[in-house]
Amino acid sequence: MANVTPNRRRPPADPELEKKIEQFGHEAATVPEQRQASLAPELPASKATVGFNFKMTPEDHQRLKELCAREERSIQYMLNKIVWPAVERLQKEAGRT
């Protein structure tokens, strides 16, 4: 690289620092070594889920949290146990009319 004019957008630094910068530049341009493939099998991608905001009053939220604490379950678990049976019931009712 002796024939290349260096980019001097910055003022010249200490010669030792210049040497370190030059060395770093050469190392950064090298291609990383190829690593052996992982021995662990690839796991299938999980199915995508959809989020939904469920709005409630602070009082209702507190009631839900108390229910979850009493049952030692998460809010997600409890909502699944409450919502999906209700949805199925409403679908059956809609099918009868």
Protein backbone atom coordinates (compact mmCIF):
# COMPACT_ATOMS: atom_id res chain seq x y z
CA MET A 1 0.00 0.00 0.00
CA ALA A 2 3.00 2.29 -0.17
CA ASN A 3 1.85 3.78 -3.50
CA VAL A 4 -1.65 4.70 -2.25
CA THR A 5 -2.26 8.18 -0.89
CA PRO A 6 -4.01 7.85 2.48
CA ASN A 7 -7.35 9.52 3.10
CA ARG A 8 -6.54 12.57 5.18
CA ARG A 9 -9.95 13.77 6.26
CA ARG A 10 -8.53 13.61 9.76
CA PRO A 11 -5.24 15.04 10.92
CA PRO A 12 -2.28 12.65 11.10
CA ALA A 13 -2.11 10.81 14.41
CA ASP A 14 0.74 9.39 16.39
CA PRO A 15 2.78 7.02 14.16
CA GLU A 16 2.11 4.11 16.53
CA LEU A 17 -1.63 4.80 16.38
CA GLU A 18 -1.44 5.04 12.58
CA LYS A 19 0.21 1.62 12.54
CA LYS A 20 -2.58 0.16 14.72
CA ILE A 21 -5.25 1.72 12.49
CA GLU A 22 -3.62 0.31 9.37
CA GLN A 23 -3.33 -3.15 10.97
CA PHE A 24 -6.97 -3.04 12.04
CA GLY A 25 -8.01 -2.08 8.52
CA HIS A 26 -6.25 -5.13 7.09
CA GLU A 27 -7.76 -7.48 9.66
CA ALA A 28 -11.25 -6.14 9.13
CA ALA A 29 -11.02 -6.85 5.39
CA THR A 30 -10.26 -10.53 5.85
CA VAL A 31 -12.92 -13.14 5.24
CA PRO A 32 -14.00 -14.95 8.41
CA GLU A 33 -13.14 -18.62 8.64
CA GLN A 34 -15.82 -21.06 7.62
CA ARG A 35 -17.15 -22.84 10.67
CA GLN A 36 -18.30 -26.41 10.75
CA ALA A 37 -22.05 -26.75 10.53
CA SER A 38 -23.86 -27.07 13.82
CA LEU A 39 -24.40 -30.62 15.00
CA ALA A 40 -27.83 -29.72 16.39
CA PRO A 41 -30.68 -30.39 13.96
CA GLU A 42 -32.57 -27.43 12.63
CA LEU A 43 -35.83 -26.89 14.44
CA PRO A 44 -38.91 -26.19 12.34
CA ALA A 45 -40.07 -22.61 12.41
CA SER A 46 -42.82 -21.97 14.90
CA LYS A 47 -46.24 -20.96 13.70
CA ALA A 48 -46.87 -17.26 13.69
CA THR A 49 -49.20 -15.86 16.30
CA VAL A 50 -51.32 -12.76 16.24
CA GLY A 51 -51.48 -10.31 19.13
CA PHE A 52 -54.62 -8.55 20.26
CA ASN A 53 -55.06 -5.76 22.79
CA PHE A 54 -57.88 -6.46 25.21
CA LYS A 55 -59.00 -3.23 26.83
CA MET A 56 -60.40 -3.33 30.35
CA THR A 57 -60.89 -1.05 33.30
CA PRO A 58 -58.28 -1.02 36.05
CA GLU A 59 -60.81 -2.75 38.30
CA ASP A 60 -61.38 -5.56 35.79
CA HIS A 61 -57.64 -5.89 35.31
CA GLN A 62 -57.17 -6.22 39.07
CA ARG A 63 -59.90 -8.88 39.22
CA LEU A 64 -58.19 -10.82 36.42
CA LYS A 65 -54.80 -10.57 38.13
CA GLU A 66 -56.32 -11.82 41.39
CA LEU A 67 -57.89 -14.76 39.57
CA CYS A 68 -54.55 -15.59 37.97
CA ALA A 69 -52.76 -15.37 41.31
CA ARG A 70 -55.33 -17.61 42.99
CA GLU A 71 -55.10 -20.21 40.19
CA GLU A 72 -51.31 -19.74 39.85
CA ARG A 73 -51.68 -19.26 36.09
CA SER A 74 -50.72 -16.53 33.62
CA ILE A 75 -53.15 -13.98 32.24
CA GLN A 76 -52.68 -15.52 28.78
CA TYR A 77 -53.63 -18.96 30.07
CA MET A 78 -56.71 -17.66 31.88
CA LEU A 79 -57.91 -15.64 28.89
CA ASN A 80 -57.50 -18.72 26.67
CA LYS A 81 -59.61 -20.73 29.12
CA ILE A 82 -62.29 -18.02 29.24
CA VAL A 83 -62.42 -16.67 25.68
CA TRP A 84 -62.23 -19.78 23.47
CA PRO A 85 -65.04 -21.72 25.16
CA ALA A 86 -67.20 -18.58 24.92
CA VAL A 87 -66.34 -18.17 21.21
CA GLU A 88 -67.22 -21.82 20.52
CA ARG A 89 -70.52 -21.46 22.41
CA LEU A 90 -71.44 -18.32 20.45
CA GLN A 91 -70.55 -20.04 17.15
CA LYS A 92 -72.83 -22.95 18.02
CA GLU A 93 -75.61 -20.57 18.99
CA ALA A 94 -75.20 -18.65 15.73
CA GLY A 95 -75.43 -21.92 13.80
CA ARG A 96 -78.81 -22.76 15.39
CA THR A 97 -80.55 -19.56 14.41
